[in-house]
Protein backbone atom coordinates (compact mmCIF):
# COMPACT_ATOMS: atom_id res chain seq x y z
CA MET A 1 95.00 103.80 89.37
CA LEU A 2 98.27 105.51 89.66
CA GLY A 3 99.96 102.34 89.14
CA ILE A 4 98.06 101.88 85.57
CA ALA A 5 99.08 105.63 84.77
CA ALA A 6 102.74 104.93 85.26
CA ALA A 7 102.71 101.61 83.29
CA VAL A 8 100.96 103.64 80.20
CA LEU A 9 104.14 106.25 80.70
CA PHE A 10 106.46 103.56 80.56
CA VAL A 11 105.07 102.21 77.55
CA ILE A 12 105.01 105.63 75.60
CA ALA A 13 108.45 106.03 76.79
CA PHE A 14 109.51 102.71 75.43
CA LEU A 15 107.80 103.61 72.01
CA ILE A 16 109.63 106.74 71.93
CA ASN A 17 113.14 105.10 72.50
CA ALA A 18 112.53 102.26 70.33
CA ALA A 19 111.04 104.22 67.36
CA ASP A 20 113.83 106.59 67.67
CA ILE A 21 111.58 109.59 67.41
CA THR A 22 113.04 112.84 68.03
CA THR A 23 110.83 114.75 70.40
CA ASN A 24 111.64 118.00 72.40
CA ASP A 25 113.11 118.29 75.86
CA VAL A 26 109.79 117.94 77.72
CA LEU A 27 108.66 114.94 76.20
CA SER A 28 111.85 112.97 76.20
CA SER A 29 111.72 109.08 76.98
CA VAL A 30 113.88 109.74 79.89
CA ASN A 31 111.36 112.40 81.46
CA LEU A 32 108.43 110.27 80.70
CA MET A 33 110.31 107.44 82.46
CA LEU A 34 110.90 109.67 85.71
CA LEU A 35 107.15 110.66 85.73
CA GLY A 36 106.23 107.06 85.47
CA LEU A 37 108.63 106.32 88.46
CA THR A 38 107.18 109.07 90.58
CA LEU A 39 103.66 107.57 89.99
CA LEU A 40 104.75 104.47 90.77
CA ALA A 41 106.36 105.62 94.05
CA LEU A 42 103.22 107.46 95.08
CA HIS A 43 101.10 104.23 94.16
CA VAL A 44 103.33 102.32 96.35
CA ALA A 45 103.37 104.79 99.12
CA GLY A 46 99.45 104.55 99.24
CA VAL A 47 98.27 107.96 97.34
CA GLY A 48 95.26 107.96 95.79
CA SER A 49 94.38 104.34 97.01
CA GLY A 50 90.99 105.71 98.60
CA ARG A 51 91.69 103.86 101.78
CA ARG A 52 92.00 105.59 105.22
CA THR A 53 94.96 104.32 107.33
CA SER A 54 93.13 104.70 110.76
CA ARG A 55 90.06 102.85 111.56
CA ARG A 56 86.99 104.09 113.53
CA ARG A 57 86.07 102.07 116.66
């Protein structure tokens, strides 16, 4: 799920950059890309996957 959210943020950042839309400092394309990279790193680390790392015996 975090991977999908990261992809959505990357697309929004690309559209802001490609359309040359002027936004405030909080919603700049660089900030959205950094948020996307953070979500992607959390996804790769396994956060939010719903799986447990240890098994019961």
